[in-house]
Amino acid sequence: MSRLLHIEASPRADRSWSSKAAKDFLTQLKEQRPKVEVDHFNIWTAILPTFDGAAIDAKYAKLSGTPQTDAQSRAWKLIGHYVARLDAADAILISTPMWNLGVPYRLKHLFDLVTQPGLSFTFNPATGYAPLLRPRPTAVLMATSGDFTEGPSYGRPDLATPYLRTALAFIGLNDAEIVHVAPTIGQPEAVEAGVKRTEGEVSKLAASFAERLA
């Protein structure tokens, strides 16, 4: 049985454009692949460990190849749980809003937790960085108030899309598909056109995932 990890990064899932798009995607995916198991991870209700103190020291101990203390080892084991949950998935879906041109701080927190040496990437001075996670179907449904599909929106840059692509690829989740759910505000005709475009892209994405998870 295939497992899809859905990382929900909106704090208001009941009224969220990104969460609605994710629900539509999952409905269509389940229609085509009823046996797909969905691991729902709402990062606003989850208790994410802080990344400071022992956790930071544990990271640098890992990078330098020095033994970890008991406290560092406990912190590292807890962080490893989140990497393992990510790596256990056969496909990954992230639904998120854009906040202040980037991603919500809780989503950045999660990326800071799972991007760790020896867990999701390696480093060799001679060859540089290399990811440890295997490639798999990965997609982001990102809701934005403005329309960034053709570039900047009224002069505002989209910093979230390149960040997400780079952060995911760094740990091995290459070629993530990013669907912009946009614009969510503005002229009614523009919003309606965005809804129709999103519906079409979500349907294509669900079909693509269903084929790859066969």
N, C-alpha and C. Protein backbone atom coordinates (compact mmCIF):
# COMPACT_ATOMS: atom_id res chain seq x y z
N MET A 1 0.84 -1.20 0.00
CA MET A 1 0.00 0.00 0.00
C MET A 1 0.87 1.25 0.00
N SER A 2 0.55 2.20 -0.87
CA SER A 2 1.32 3.44 -0.95
C SER A 2 0.86 4.42 0.12
N ARG A 3 1.79 5.25 0.58
CA ARG A 3 1.47 6.25 1.60
C ARG A 3 1.84 7.63 1.08
N LEU A 4 0.91 8.56 1.24
CA LEU A 4 1.16 9.96 0.89
C LEU A 4 1.18 10.79 2.16
N LEU A 5 2.21 11.57 2.34
CA LEU A 5 2.29 12.49 3.47
C LEU A 5 1.77 13.85 3.04
N HIS A 6 0.70 14.30 3.69
CA HIS A 6 0.15 15.63 3.41
C HIS A 6 0.55 16.56 4.54
N ILE A 7 1.44 17.49 4.25
CA ILE A 7 1.87 18.50 5.20
C ILE A 7 0.99 19.73 5.00
N GLU A 8 0.14 19.99 5.98
CA GLU A 8 -0.79 21.12 5.88
C GLU A 8 -0.22 22.30 6.65
N ALA A 9 0.06 23.39 5.94
CA ALA A 9 0.74 24.53 6.55
C ALA A 9 -0.14 25.75 6.72
N SER A 10 -1.45 25.59 6.58
CA SER A 10 -2.36 26.70 6.82
C SER A 10 -2.95 26.57 8.22
N PRO A 11 -2.96 27.65 9.00
CA PRO A 11 -3.52 27.58 10.35
C PRO A 11 -5.04 27.63 10.38
N ARG A 12 -5.66 27.83 9.23
CA ARG A 12 -7.14 27.89 9.19
C ARG A 12 -7.66 26.97 8.10
N ALA A 13 -7.47 25.69 8.34
CA ALA A 13 -7.76 24.68 7.32
C ALA A 13 -9.21 24.71 6.84
N ASP A 14 -10.13 25.12 7.71
CA ASP A 14 -11.54 25.13 7.33
C ASP A 14 -11.88 26.24 6.35
N ARG A 15 -11.03 27.26 6.22
CA ARG A 15 -11.31 28.39 5.32
C ARG A 15 -10.15 28.68 4.37
N SER A 16 -9.23 27.74 4.28
CA SER A 16 -8.00 27.97 3.54
C SER A 16 -8.12 27.57 2.07
N TRP A 17 -7.63 28.43 1.20
CA TRP A 17 -7.61 28.11 -0.24
C TRP A 17 -6.67 26.95 -0.51
N SER A 18 -5.51 26.94 0.13
CA SER A 18 -4.56 25.85 -0.12
C SER A 18 -5.08 24.52 0.41
N SER A 19 -5.76 24.56 1.57
CA SER A 19 -6.31 23.33 2.14
C SER A 19 -7.46 22.79 1.28
N LYS A 20 -8.26 23.70 0.71
CA LYS A 20 -9.34 23.26 -0.17
C LYS A 20 -8.77 22.60 -1.42
N ALA A 21 -7.72 23.20 -1.98
CA ALA A 21 -7.09 22.61 -3.16
C ALA A 21 -6.52 21.23 -2.83
N ALA A 22 -5.95 21.11 -1.63
CA ALA A 22 -5.41 19.82 -1.20
C ALA A 22 -6.52 18.79 -1.04
N LYS A 23 -7.65 19.21 -0.49
CA LYS A 23 -8.79 18.30 -0.33
C LYS A 23 -9.28 17.82 -1.68
N ASP A 24 -9.36 18.72 -2.65
CA ASP A 24 -9.79 18.34 -4.00
C ASP A 24 -8.79 17.36 -4.61
N PHE A 25 -7.51 17.64 -4.43
CA PHE A 25 -6.46 16.75 -4.95
C PHE A 25 -6.59 15.35 -4.34
N LEU A 26 -6.74 15.29 -3.03
CA LEU A 26 -6.80 13.99 -2.35
C LEU A 26 -8.05 13.22 -2.73
N THR A 27 -9.16 13.93 -2.91
CA THR A 27 -10.40 13.27 -3.34
C THR A 27 -10.21 12.60 -4.69
N GLN A 28 -9.62 13.34 -5.63
CA GLN A 28 -9.40 12.79 -6.97
C GLN A 28 -8.37 11.67 -6.95
N LEU A 29 -7.34 11.81 -6.13
CA LEU A 29 -6.33 10.75 -6.05
C LEU A 29 -6.94 9.47 -5.49
N LYS A 30 -7.77 9.60 -4.45
CA LYS A 30 -8.39 8.42 -3.84
C LYS A 30 -9.38 7.76 -4.79
N GLU A 31 -10.00 8.54 -5.65
CA GLU A 31 -10.91 7.96 -6.64
C GLU A 31 -10.14 7.06 -7.60
N GLN A 32 -8.90 7.45 -7.90
CA GLN A 32 -8.09 6.67 -8.84
C GLN A 32 -7.24 5.61 -8.15
N ARG A 33 -6.85 5.89 -6.92
CA ARG A 33 -6.04 4.94 -6.14
C ARG A 33 -6.63 4.83 -4.74
N PRO A 34 -7.74 4.07 -4.60
CA PRO A 34 -8.45 4.00 -3.31
C PRO A 34 -7.60 3.49 -2.15
N LYS A 35 -6.56 2.73 -2.45
CA LYS A 35 -5.76 2.12 -1.39
C LYS A 35 -4.62 3.02 -0.88
N VAL A 36 -4.49 4.19 -1.46
CA VAL A 36 -3.44 5.09 -0.99
C VAL A 36 -3.76 5.54 0.43
N GLU A 37 -2.81 5.39 1.32
CA GLU A 37 -2.97 5.82 2.71
C GLU A 37 -2.47 7.26 2.84
N VAL A 38 -3.24 8.10 3.49
CA VAL A 38 -2.86 9.51 3.66
C VAL A 38 -2.45 9.76 5.10
N ASP A 39 -1.21 10.19 5.28
CA ASP A 39 -0.69 10.58 6.59
C ASP A 39 -0.81 12.10 6.68
N HIS A 40 -1.80 12.57 7.43
CA HIS A 40 -2.08 14.00 7.51
C HIS A 40 -1.26 14.63 8.63
N PHE A 41 -0.44 15.61 8.29
CA PHE A 41 0.45 16.25 9.25
C PHE A 41 0.16 17.75 9.25
N ASN A 42 -0.66 18.19 10.20
CA ASN A 42 -0.97 19.61 10.35
C ASN A 42 0.09 20.23 11.26
N ILE A 43 0.93 21.08 10.69
CA ILE A 43 2.05 21.60 11.48
C ILE A 43 1.62 22.65 12.49
N TRP A 44 0.34 23.05 12.47
CA TRP A 44 -0.13 24.03 13.46
C TRP A 44 -0.68 23.35 14.70
N THR A 45 -1.09 22.10 14.58
CA THR A 45 -1.56 21.36 15.75
C THR A 45 -0.48 20.44 16.30
N ALA A 46 0.53 20.14 15.48
CA ALA A 46 1.64 19.31 15.94
C ALA A 46 2.55 20.11 16.88
N ILE A 47 3.18 19.42 17.79
CA ILE A 47 4.16 20.05 18.68
C ILE A 47 5.55 19.82 18.08
N LEU A 48 6.06 20.83 17.40
CA LEU A 48 7.38 20.72 16.79
C LEU A 48 8.45 21.09 17.82
N PRO A 49 9.47 20.25 17.97
CA PRO A 49 10.51 20.58 18.94
C PRO A 49 11.29 21.81 18.54
N THR A 50 11.73 22.57 19.52
CA THR A 50 12.56 23.73 19.21
C THR A 50 13.91 23.26 18.71
N PHE A 51 14.50 24.04 17.81
CA PHE A 51 15.82 23.69 17.30
C PHE A 51 16.83 24.65 17.90
N ASP A 52 17.24 24.37 19.11
CA ASP A 52 18.23 25.20 19.78
C ASP A 52 18.98 24.34 20.78
N GLY A 53 19.91 24.93 21.48
CA GLY A 53 20.62 24.23 22.53
C GLY A 53 21.19 22.90 22.12
N ALA A 54 20.70 21.82 22.75
CA ALA A 54 21.23 20.49 22.51
C ALA A 54 21.08 20.06 21.07
N ALA A 55 19.98 20.48 20.43
CA ALA A 55 19.76 20.08 19.04
C ALA A 55 20.82 20.68 18.11
N ILE A 56 21.13 21.96 18.31
CA ILE A 56 22.16 22.60 17.49
C ILE A 56 23.52 21.97 17.77
N ASP A 57 23.82 21.73 19.03
CA ASP A 57 25.09 21.10 19.38
C ASP A 57 25.18 19.70 18.79
N ALA A 58 24.04 18.99 18.77
CA ALA A 58 24.02 17.64 18.19
C ALA A 58 24.33 17.69 16.70
N LYS A 59 23.80 18.70 16.04
CA LYS A 59 24.05 18.85 14.60
C LYS A 59 25.54 19.07 14.34
N TYR A 60 26.14 19.96 15.10
CA TYR A 60 27.56 20.25 14.86
C TYR A 60 28.46 19.10 15.30
N ALA A 61 28.01 18.35 16.28
CA ALA A 61 28.75 17.13 16.65
C ALA A 61 28.72 16.15 15.49
N LYS A 62 27.56 16.06 14.85
CA LYS A 62 27.43 15.15 13.71
C LYS A 62 28.31 15.61 12.56
N LEU A 63 28.31 16.90 12.30
CA LEU A 63 29.11 17.44 11.20
C LEU A 63 30.61 17.25 11.44
N SER A 64 31.02 17.39 12.70
CA SER A 64 32.45 17.29 13.01
C SER A 64 32.89 15.87 13.31
N GLY A 65 31.91 14.96 13.42
CA GLY A 65 32.26 13.57 13.69
C GLY A 65 32.63 13.29 15.13
N THR A 66 32.23 14.17 16.05
CA THR A 66 32.52 13.97 17.46
C THR A 66 31.32 13.31 18.15
N PRO A 67 31.56 12.57 19.25
CA PRO A 67 30.45 11.89 19.94
C PRO A 67 29.44 12.89 20.50
N GLN A 68 28.19 12.50 20.49
CA GLN A 68 27.14 13.33 21.06
C GLN A 68 26.96 13.00 22.54
N THR A 69 26.62 14.01 23.32
CA THR A 69 26.30 13.77 24.72
C THR A 69 24.92 13.11 24.80
N ASP A 70 24.53 12.68 26.00
CA ASP A 70 23.21 12.05 26.15
C ASP A 70 22.10 13.02 25.77
N ALA A 71 22.22 14.28 26.19
CA ALA A 71 21.20 15.27 25.88
C ALA A 71 21.13 15.53 24.38
N GLN A 72 22.30 15.61 23.75
CA GLN A 72 22.35 15.81 22.30
C GLN A 72 21.76 14.61 21.57
N SER A 73 22.06 13.43 22.04
CA SER A 73 21.55 12.20 21.41
C SER A 73 20.03 12.13 21.49
N ARG A 74 19.47 12.54 22.63
CA ARG A 74 18.01 12.54 22.77
C ARG A 74 17.38 13.55 21.81
N ALA A 75 17.98 14.73 21.69
CA ALA A 75 17.46 15.75 20.78
C ALA A 75 17.56 15.27 19.33
N TRP A 76 18.65 14.62 19.01
CA TRP A 76 18.87 14.13 17.65
C TRP A 76 17.88 13.02 17.30
N LYS A 77 17.60 12.16 18.26
CA LYS A 77 16.65 11.08 18.03
C LYS A 77 15.26 11.64 17.75
N LEU A 78 14.88 12.70 18.47
CA LEU A 78 13.57 13.31 18.27
C LEU A 78 13.47 13.93 16.87
N ILE A 79 14.54 14.61 16.44
CA ILE A 79 14.56 15.18 15.11
C ILE A 79 14.49 14.08 14.05
N GLY A 80 15.18 12.99 14.31
CA GLY A 80 15.17 11.86 13.38
C GLY A 80 13.79 11.30 13.13
N HIS A 81 12.90 11.44 14.11
CA HIS A 81 11.52 10.97 13.95
C HIS A 81 10.84 11.70 12.80
N TYR A 82 11.07 12.99 12.67
CA TYR A 82 10.42 13.77 11.63
C TYR A 82 11.00 13.44 10.26
N VAL A 83 12.30 13.22 10.20
CA VAL A 83 12.91 12.81 8.93
C VAL A 83 12.39 11.44 8.52
N ALA A 84 12.26 10.53 9.49
CA ALA A 84 11.76 9.19 9.19
C ALA A 84 10.32 9.24 8.69
N ARG A 85 9.51 10.10 9.26
CA ARG A 85 8.12 10.23 8.82
C ARG A 85 8.07 10.74 7.38
N LEU A 86 8.94 11.67 7.06
CA LEU A 86 9.03 12.19 5.70
C LEU A 86 9.49 11.10 4.75
N ASP A 87 10.51 10.36 5.15
CA ASP A 87 11.11 9.36 4.27
C ASP A 87 10.22 8.13 4.11
N ALA A 88 9.30 7.91 5.03
CA ALA A 88 8.40 6.75 4.95
C ALA A 88 7.34 6.93 3.87
N ALA A 89 7.13 8.15 3.43
CA ALA A 89 6.08 8.44 2.45
C ALA A 89 6.55 8.09 1.03
N ASP A 90 5.62 7.57 0.25
CA ASP A 90 5.89 7.29 -1.16
C ASP A 90 5.62 8.52 -2.03
N ALA A 91 4.91 9.48 -1.48
CA ALA A 91 4.63 10.73 -2.18
C ALA A 91 4.39 11.80 -1.13
N ILE A 92 4.64 13.05 -1.49
CA ILE A 92 4.52 14.15 -0.52
C ILE A 92 3.72 15.29 -1.14
N LEU A 93 2.76 15.78 -0.37
CA LEU A 93 1.98 16.94 -0.77
C LEU A 93 2.07 17.98 0.33
N ILE A 94 2.42 19.21 -0.04
CA ILE A 94 2.45 20.33 0.89
C ILE A 94 1.41 21.34 0.45
N SER A 95 0.51 21.69 1.34
CA SER A 95 -0.44 22.77 1.05
C SER A 95 -0.14 23.92 1.99
N THR A 96 0.07 25.10 1.41
CA THR A 96 0.53 26.22 2.21
C THR A 96 0.09 27.56 1.61
N PRO A 97 -0.12 28.56 2.44
CA PRO A 97 -0.26 29.91 1.91
C PRO A 97 1.11 30.54 1.72
N MET A 98 1.17 31.63 0.98
CA MET A 98 2.37 32.46 0.94
C MET A 98 2.18 33.55 1.99
N TRP A 99 3.19 33.71 2.83
CA TRP A 99 3.15 34.77 3.84
C TRP A 99 4.32 35.71 3.61
N ASN A 100 4.03 36.98 3.43
CA ASN A 100 5.09 37.99 3.29
C ASN A 100 6.14 37.57 2.27
N LEU A 101 5.64 37.09 1.14
CA LEU A 101 6.46 36.69 -0.01
C LEU A 101 7.17 35.36 0.18
N GLY A 102 7.09 34.78 1.38
CA GLY A 102 7.74 33.51 1.67
C GLY A 102 6.76 32.49 2.22
N VAL A 103 7.26 31.56 3.04
CA VAL A 103 6.42 30.51 3.60
C VAL A 103 6.13 30.81 5.06
N PRO A 104 5.06 30.26 5.62
CA PRO A 104 4.77 30.45 7.04
C PRO A 104 5.93 29.95 7.91
N TYR A 105 6.15 30.62 9.02
CA TYR A 105 7.30 30.29 9.86
C TYR A 105 7.26 28.86 10.38
N ARG A 106 6.06 28.30 10.56
CA ARG A 106 5.98 26.92 11.04
C ARG A 106 6.46 25.93 9.97
N LEU A 107 6.23 26.25 8.70
CA LEU A 107 6.74 25.40 7.64
C LEU A 107 8.25 25.51 7.55
N LYS A 108 8.77 26.72 7.70
CA LYS A 108 10.23 26.90 7.73
C LYS A 108 10.83 26.15 8.91
N HIS A 109 10.13 26.15 10.04
CA HIS A 109 10.56 25.41 11.22
C HIS A 109 10.71 23.93 10.88
N LEU A 110 9.71 23.38 10.20
CA LEU A 110 9.77 21.96 9.84
C LEU A 110 10.95 21.68 8.92
N PHE A 111 11.18 22.55 7.94
CA PHE A 111 12.33 22.35 7.06
C PHE A 111 13.65 22.43 7.84
N ASP A 112 13.71 23.32 8.81
CA ASP A 112 14.92 23.42 9.64
C ASP A 112 15.15 22.13 10.44
N LEU A 113 14.06 21.49 10.84
CA LEU A 113 14.18 20.24 11.59
C LEU A 113 14.66 19.08 10.72
N VAL A 114 14.08 18.96 9.52
CA VAL A 114 14.36 17.76 8.71
C VAL A 114 15.59 17.90 7.83
N THR A 115 16.17 19.08 7.74
CA THR A 115 17.38 19.26 6.92
C THR A 115 18.60 19.10 7.82
N GLN A 116 19.03 17.86 7.97
CA GLN A 116 20.08 17.55 8.94
C GLN A 116 21.13 16.61 8.36
N PRO A 117 22.41 16.83 8.71
CA PRO A 117 23.49 15.97 8.22
C PRO A 117 23.33 14.55 8.74
N GLY A 118 23.56 13.60 7.86
CA GLY A 118 23.46 12.20 8.23
C GLY A 118 22.05 11.67 8.26
N LEU A 119 21.07 12.56 8.22
CA LEU A 119 19.66 12.15 8.22
C LEU A 119 19.01 12.41 6.86
N SER A 120 19.23 13.61 6.33
CA SER A 120 18.63 13.92 5.03
C SER A 120 19.65 14.43 4.00
N PHE A 121 20.87 14.69 4.44
CA PHE A 121 21.93 15.04 3.49
C PHE A 121 23.29 14.69 4.08
N THR A 122 24.28 14.61 3.22
CA THR A 122 25.65 14.36 3.65
C THR A 122 26.54 15.50 3.13
N PHE A 123 27.71 15.62 3.73
CA PHE A 123 28.68 16.62 3.27
C PHE A 123 30.06 16.01 3.25
N ASN A 124 30.73 16.23 2.12
CA ASN A 124 32.12 15.80 1.95
C ASN A 124 32.90 16.99 1.41
N PRO A 125 33.98 17.42 2.09
CA PRO A 125 34.73 18.59 1.61
C PRO A 125 35.19 18.47 0.17
N ALA A 126 35.40 17.24 -0.28
CA ALA A 126 35.91 17.04 -1.63
C ALA A 126 34.80 17.11 -2.68
N THR A 127 33.59 16.69 -2.29
CA THR A 127 32.50 16.60 -3.27
C THR A 127 31.31 17.51 -2.96
N GLY A 128 31.28 18.08 -1.76
CA GLY A 128 30.18 18.97 -1.39
C GLY A 128 29.00 18.24 -0.78
N TYR A 129 27.82 18.80 -0.93
CA TYR A 129 26.61 18.26 -0.31
C TYR A 129 25.93 17.26 -1.23
N ALA A 130 25.28 16.28 -0.64
CA ALA A 130 24.52 15.29 -1.40
C ALA A 130 23.29 14.90 -0.61
N PRO A 131 22.13 14.77 -1.25
CA PRO A 131 20.90 14.40 -0.54
C PRO A 131 20.90 12.93 -0.17
N LEU A 132 20.14 12.61 0.86
CA LEU A 132 20.01 11.22 1.31
C LEU A 132 18.63 10.63 1.05
N LEU A 133 17.61 11.48 0.88
CA LEU A 133 16.27 10.96 0.64
C LEU A 133 16.10 10.61 -0.84
N ARG A 134 15.34 9.57 -1.09
CA ARG A 134 15.12 9.14 -2.48
C ARG A 134 14.08 10.05 -3.14
N PRO A 135 14.18 10.28 -4.44
CA PRO A 135 13.16 11.05 -5.14
C PRO A 135 11.83 10.32 -5.11
N ARG A 136 10.74 11.07 -5.09
CA ARG A 136 9.39 10.52 -5.12
C ARG A 136 8.45 11.63 -5.56
N PRO A 137 7.22 11.32 -5.96
CA PRO A 137 6.29 12.38 -6.35
C PRO A 137 6.13 13.40 -5.22
N THR A 138 6.38 14.66 -5.54
CA THR A 138 6.31 15.73 -4.55
C THR A 138 5.64 16.94 -5.20
N ALA A 139 4.72 17.55 -4.46
CA ALA A 139 4.02 18.71 -5.00
C ALA A 139 3.68 19.69 -3.89
N VAL A 140 3.55 20.95 -4.28
CA VAL A 140 3.17 22.02 -3.36
C VAL A 140 1.96 22.74 -3.96
N LEU A 141 0.92 22.89 -3.16
CA LEU A 141 -0.23 23.72 -3.52
C LEU A 141 -0.13 24.99 -2.70
N MET A 142 0.20 26.10 -3.33
CA MET A 142 0.49 27.33 -2.60
C MET A 142 -0.50 28.43 -2.97
N ALA A 143 -1.26 28.87 -1.98
CA ALA A 143 -2.24 29.93 -2.19
C ALA A 143 -1.58 31.30 -2.00
N THR A 144 -1.86 32.20 -2.93
CA THR A 144 -1.32 33.55 -2.84
C THR A 144 -2.42 34.56 -3.16
N SER A 145 -2.41 35.67 -2.44
CA SER A 145 -3.42 36.70 -2.70
C SER A 145 -3.23 37.30 -4.08
N GLY A 146 -1.98 37.49 -4.49
CA GLY A 146 -1.69 38.02 -5.82
C GLY A 146 -1.40 36.90 -6.80
N ASP A 147 -1.38 37.24 -8.07
CA ASP A 147 -1.12 36.26 -9.12
C ASP A 147 0.37 36.32 -9.50
N PHE A 148 1.11 35.30 -9.10
CA PHE A 148 2.54 35.23 -9.38
C PHE A 148 2.85 34.24 -10.50
N THR A 149 1.83 33.75 -11.20
CA THR A 149 2.04 32.72 -12.21
C THR A 149 2.89 33.20 -13.38
N GLU A 150 2.88 34.51 -13.64
CA GLU A 150 3.65 35.05 -14.76
C GLU A 150 4.82 35.91 -14.28
N GLY A 151 5.13 35.88 -12.98
CA GLY A 151 6.21 36.71 -12.46
C GLY A 151 5.75 37.52 -11.27
N PRO A 152 6.43 38.62 -10.96
CA PRO A 152 6.07 39.45 -9.81
C PRO A 152 4.63 39.95 -9.88
N SER A 153 4.01 40.11 -8.73
CA SER A 153 2.65 40.62 -8.64
C SER A 153 2.69 42.07 -8.16
N TYR A 154 2.41 43.00 -9.05
CA TYR A 154 2.48 44.42 -8.72
C TYR A 154 3.83 44.79 -8.10
N GLY A 155 4.88 44.18 -8.62
CA GLY A 155 6.23 44.46 -8.15
C GLY A 155 6.69 43.59 -7.01
N ARG A 156 5.80 42.78 -6.45
CA ARG A 156 6.19 41.91 -5.32
C ARG A 156 6.78 40.61 -5.85
N PRO A 157 7.97 40.20 -5.38
CA PRO A 157 8.57 38.96 -5.85
C PRO A 157 7.99 37.75 -5.10
N ASP A 158 8.06 36.61 -5.74
CA ASP A 158 7.69 35.34 -5.13
C ASP A 158 8.97 34.68 -4.62
N LEU A 159 9.21 34.76 -3.33
CA LEU A 159 10.40 34.13 -2.75
C LEU A 159 10.11 32.71 -2.27
N ALA A 160 8.84 32.36 -2.17
CA ALA A 160 8.47 31.05 -1.65
C ALA A 160 8.75 29.93 -2.64
N THR A 161 8.42 30.15 -3.92
CA THR A 161 8.59 29.08 -4.91
C THR A 161 10.05 28.64 -5.04
N PRO A 162 11.01 29.55 -5.28
CA PRO A 162 12.39 29.09 -5.37
C PRO A 162 12.91 28.49 -4.07
N TYR A 163 12.46 29.02 -2.93
CA TYR A 163 12.89 28.45 -1.65
C TYR A 163 12.41 27.00 -1.53
N LEU A 164 11.13 26.76 -1.81
CA LEU A 164 10.59 25.42 -1.67
C LEU A 164 11.27 24.44 -2.63
N ARG A 165 11.45 24.84 -3.88
CA ARG A 165 12.11 23.96 -4.84
C ARG A 165 13.52 23.59 -4.36
N THR A 166 14.25 24.61 -3.90
CA THR A 166 15.64 24.39 -3.49
C THR A 166 15.73 23.57 -2.21
N ALA A 167 14.89 23.90 -1.23
CA ALA A 167 14.92 23.19 0.05
C ALA A 167 14.55 21.73 -0.12
N LEU A 168 13.54 21.45 -0.95
CA LEU A 168 13.12 20.07 -1.19
C LEU A 168 14.20 19.30 -1.96
N ALA A 169 14.75 19.92 -3.00
CA ALA A 169 15.78 19.25 -3.79
C ALA A 169 17.04 18.98 -2.97
N PHE A 170 17.34 19.87 -2.03
CA PHE A 170 18.56 19.72 -1.23
C PHE A 170 18.57 18.42 -0.45
N ILE A 171 17.39 17.95 -0.04
CA ILE A 171 17.34 16.69 0.72
C ILE A 171 16.93 15.50 -0.15
N GLY A 172 16.75 15.73 -1.46
CA GLY A 172 16.51 14.63 -2.38
C GLY A 172 15.16 14.62 -3.05
N LEU A 173 14.26 15.54 -2.67
CA LEU A 173 12.93 15.57 -3.26
C LEU A 173 12.95 16.49 -4.47
N ASN A 174 13.50 15.95 -5.56
CA ASN A 174 13.75 16.74 -6.75
C ASN A 174 12.48 17.00 -7.57
N ASP A 175 12.55 18.02 -8.38
CA ASP A 175 11.51 18.31 -9.38
C ASP A 175 10.12 18.41 -8.76
N ALA A 176 10.01 19.08 -7.64
CA ALA A 176 8.70 19.28 -7.02
C ALA A 176 7.81 20.11 -7.95
N GLU A 177 6.57 19.68 -8.10
CA GLU A 177 5.60 20.44 -8.88
C GLU A 177 4.93 21.45 -7.96
N ILE A 178 4.92 22.70 -8.36
CA ILE A 178 4.32 23.76 -7.54
C ILE A 178 3.14 24.37 -8.29
N VAL A 179 1.98 24.25 -7.68
CA VAL A 179 0.76 24.81 -8.26
C VAL A 179 0.37 26.05 -7.47
N HIS A 180 0.24 27.17 -8.15
CA HIS A 180 -0.16 28.41 -7.50
C HIS A 180 -1.68 28.52 -7.48
N VAL A 181 -2.23 28.57 -6.29
CA VAL A 181 -3.67 28.76 -6.11
C VAL A 181 -3.87 30.27 -5.99
N ALA A 182 -4.14 30.92 -7.12
CA ALA A 182 -4.08 32.38 -7.12
C ALA A 182 -4.84 32.95 -8.31
N PRO A 183 -5.25 34.24 -8.16
CA PRO A 183 -5.21 35.06 -6.96
C PRO A 183 -6.42 34.74 -6.07
N THR A 184 -6.24 34.91 -4.78
CA THR A 184 -7.34 34.62 -3.86
C THR A 184 -8.16 35.86 -3.51
N ILE A 185 -7.66 37.04 -3.89
CA ILE A 185 -8.42 38.27 -3.72
C ILE A 185 -8.24 39.12 -4.98
N GLY A 186 -9.15 40.10 -5.15
CA GLY A 186 -9.05 40.96 -6.32
C GLY A 186 -10.35 40.99 -7.09
N GLN A 187 -10.26 41.32 -8.36
CA GLN A 187 -11.44 41.38 -9.20
C GLN A 187 -12.09 39.99 -9.32
N PRO A 188 -13.42 39.91 -9.19
CA PRO A 188 -14.09 38.61 -9.22
C PRO A 188 -13.74 37.77 -10.44
N GLU A 189 -13.63 38.39 -11.61
CA GLU A 189 -13.31 37.62 -12.81
C GLU A 189 -11.90 37.03 -12.75
N ALA A 190 -10.98 37.77 -12.14
CA ALA A 190 -9.61 37.27 -12.00
C ALA A 190 -9.56 36.10 -11.02
N VAL A 191 -10.30 36.24 -9.91
CA VAL A 191 -10.35 35.15 -8.92
C VAL A 191 -10.99 33.91 -9.53
N GLU A 192 -12.07 34.10 -10.27
CA GLU A 192 -12.76 32.97 -10.89
C GLU A 192 -11.87 32.29 -11.92
N ALA A 193 -11.13 33.07 -12.68
CA ALA A 193 -10.19 32.48 -13.66
C ALA A 193 -9.11 31.68 -12.94
N GLY A 194 -8.67 32.20 -11.80
CA GLY A 194 -7.67 31.48 -11.01
C GLY A 194 -8.21 30.18 -10.47
N VAL A 195 -9.46 30.18 -10.04
CA VAL A 195 -10.09 28.96 -9.52
C VAL A 195 -10.14 27.90 -10.62
N LYS A 196 -10.55 28.29 -11.83
CA LYS A 196 -10.65 27.33 -12.93
C LYS A 196 -9.27 26.80 -13.31
N ARG A 197 -8.28 27.68 -13.34
CA ARG A 197 -6.92 27.24 -13.66
C ARG A 197 -6.41 26.26 -12.61
N THR A 198 -6.67 26.57 -11.34
CA THR A 198 -6.23 25.69 -10.26
C THR A 198 -6.91 24.33 -10.35
N GLU A 199 -8.21 24.32 -10.62
CA GLU A 199 -8.94 23.06 -10.73
C GLU A 199 -8.32 22.17 -11.81
N GLY A 200 -7.97 22.78 -12.94
CA GLY A 200 -7.36 22.02 -14.02
C GLY A 200 -6.00 21.47 -13.64
N GLU A 201 -5.18 22.30 -12.98
CA GLU A 201 -3.84 21.87 -12.60
C GLU A 201 -3.89 20.81 -11.50
N VAL A 202 -4.84 20.94 -10.58
CA VAL A 202 -4.99 19.94 -9.52
C VAL A 202 -5.41 18.60 -10.10
N SER A 203 -6.31 18.62 -11.08
CA SER A 203 -6.74 17.37 -11.72
C SER A 203 -5.57 16.69 -12.43
N LYS A 204 -4.75 17.47 -13.14
CA LYS A 204 -3.58 16.90 -13.81
C LYS A 204 -2.60 16.33 -12.78
N LEU A 205 -2.42 17.04 -11.67
CA LEU A 205 -1.50 16.61 -10.64
C LEU A 205 -1.97 15.30 -10.00
N ALA A 206 -3.27 15.21 -9.72
CA ALA A 206 -3.81 13.99 -9.12
C ALA A 206 -3.63 12.80 -10.07
N ALA A 207 -3.86 13.02 -11.36
CA ALA A 207 -3.69 11.94 -12.34
C ALA A 207 -2.23 11.51 -12.42
N SER A 208 -1.32 12.49 -12.36
CA SER A 208 0.11 12.18 -12.40
C SER A 208 0.54 11.37 -11.19
N PHE A 209 0.09 11.76 -10.00
CA PHE A 209 0.43 11.03 -8.79
C PHE A 209 -0.16 9.62 -8.84
N ALA A 210 -1.40 9.51 -9.30
CA ALA A 210 -2.06 8.21 -9.37
C ALA A 210 -1.28 7.26 -10.27
N GLU A 211 -0.78 7.78 -11.38
CA GLU A 211 0.00 6.95 -12.30
C GLU A 211 1.31 6.52 -11.67
N ARG A 212 1.96 7.44 -10.98
CA ARG A 212 3.27 7.13 -10.39
C ARG A 212 3.17 6.26 -9.14
N LEU A 213 2.00 6.26 -8.51
CA LEU A 213 1.79 5.44 -7.32
C LEU A 213 1.16 4.10 -7.64
N ALA A 214 1.01 3.80 -8.94
CA ALA A 214 0.38 2.54 -9.35
C ALA A 214 1.22 1.33 -8.92
